Amino acid sequence: MPQSPDPAAMGRVVGDGTWYFHLADIATDPVHQRRGLGRAVLEDLVARIDAAAPPHPCIALLADPPGQPLHRLLGVVDSAPSQGMRLPH
C-alpha cells in the first residue's frame, strides 16, 4: 500500500459533545506555514462545533506564542482572570 503524504496542517476537538470543547493540537508544518492553513483548520473546527453544539458553547484552547497572533486575529481572547495551567507528569 502506498504511503500517504505527511499532513501539512492539523487540529482536533476534544470535548463532551454538548457544551464544552477544547481545540487541541492545532499545528502547521513549518514548510507550509504562512499559507492560510492554520486559519483554515481553526475555522473548520469552529464551524463543526457551531453545527453540532447548542448556542454559545464553551470553546477553549491553549496557544503557544507563535500561534497567538493568528488566534487573536480570528477572535480568540484571553480567558482572564482564568489562567491556563498544567499538571506535570
Protein backbone atom coordinates (compact mmCIF):
# COMPACT_ATOMS: atom_id res chain seq x y z
CA MET A 1 0.00 0.00 0.00
CA PRO A 2 1.50 3.43 -0.90
CA GLN A 3 2.27 5.80 1.93
CA SER A 4 0.13 8.89 2.21
CA PRO A 5 1.93 12.25 2.28
CA ASP A 6 2.60 13.86 5.62
CA PRO A 7 -0.13 16.29 6.69
CA ALA A 8 0.55 19.99 6.13
CA ALA A 9 -1.76 21.11 8.97
CA MET A 10 -3.93 19.52 11.59
CA GLY A 11 -6.12 20.12 14.61
CA ARG A 12 -8.67 18.31 16.72
CA VAL A 13 -11.53 18.95 19.08
CA VAL A 14 -11.79 17.26 22.46
CA GLY A 15 -14.95 17.74 24.45
CA ASP A 16 -18.13 16.41 25.91
CA GLY A 17 -20.05 16.71 22.63
CA THR A 18 -22.60 19.12 24.02
CA TRP A 19 -21.31 22.31 25.62
CA TYR A 20 -17.55 22.18 26.37
CA PHE A 21 -14.99 21.93 23.57
CA HIS A 22 -11.21 22.20 23.66
CA LEU A 23 -9.32 22.91 20.43
CA ALA A 24 -6.12 20.89 20.63
CA ASP A 25 -3.00 20.17 18.65
CA ILE A 26 -3.55 22.85 16.01
CA ALA A 27 -0.31 22.86 14.08
CA THR A 28 1.08 23.59 10.65
CA ASP A 29 4.23 22.02 9.28
CA PRO A 30 6.83 24.82 9.13
CA VAL A 31 7.31 24.17 5.40
CA HIS A 32 3.63 25.03 4.86
CA GLN A 33 3.23 27.97 7.24
CA ARG A 34 2.07 31.41 6.10
CA ARG A 35 -0.34 29.90 3.54
CA GLY A 36 -3.60 30.14 5.49
CA LEU A 37 -3.70 26.50 6.56
CA GLY A 38 -3.74 27.22 10.30
CA ARG A 39 -6.59 29.67 9.77
CA ALA A 40 -8.48 27.10 7.68
CA VAL A 41 -8.05 24.39 10.33
CA LEU A 42 -9.22 26.67 13.17
CA GLU A 43 -12.20 27.98 11.17
CA ASP A 44 -13.21 24.46 10.15
CA LEU A 45 -13.07 23.16 13.72
CA VAL A 46 -15.16 26.07 15.00
CA ALA A 47 -17.69 25.59 12.17
CA ARG A 48 -18.03 21.92 13.09
CA ILE A 49 -18.65 22.86 16.73
CA ASP A 50 -21.20 25.51 15.72
CA ALA A 51 -23.05 22.96 13.57
CA ALA A 52 -23.23 20.36 16.35
CA ALA A 53 -23.48 22.32 19.60
CA PRO A 54 -26.23 24.38 21.18
CA PRO A 55 -25.87 28.18 21.01
CA HIS A 56 -22.90 29.72 22.82
CA PRO A 57 -20.76 26.64 23.52
CA CYS A 58 -17.65 26.99 25.65
CA ILE A 59 -14.66 26.73 23.29
CA ALA A 60 -11.22 26.79 24.89
CA LEU A 61 -7.66 26.42 23.65
CA LEU A 62 -4.09 26.89 24.78
CA ALA A 63 -1.92 28.81 22.32
CA ASP A 64 1.85 28.82 22.20
CA PRO A 65 3.38 32.24 21.49
CA PRO A 66 3.87 31.64 17.72
CA GLY A 67 0.16 30.85 17.27
CA GLN A 68 -1.27 33.60 19.47
CA PRO A 69 -1.34 36.36 16.81
CA LEU A 70 -3.33 34.16 14.41
CA HIS A 71 -5.75 33.10 17.14
CA ARG A 72 -6.32 36.72 18.15
CA LEU A 73 -6.95 37.70 14.52
CA LEU A 74 -9.69 35.07 14.47
CA GLY A 75 -11.38 36.40 17.61
CA VAL A 76 -9.83 34.26 20.34
CA VAL A 77 -9.48 36.29 23.53
CA ASP A 78 -7.56 35.79 26.75
CA SER A 79 -9.54 33.98 29.41
CA ALA A 80 -8.57 36.34 32.26
CA PRO A 81 -8.89 36.06 35.15
CA SER A 82 -8.59 32.33 34.40
CA GLN A 83 -5.15 31.06 33.56
CA GLY A 84 -4.03 28.03 31.60
CA MET A 85 -2.38 25.50 33.86
CA ARG A 86 -0.93 22.02 33.52
CA LEU A 87 -0.07 19.09 35.75
CA PRO A 88 3.50 17.95 35.03
CA HIS A 89 3.71 14.17 34.87
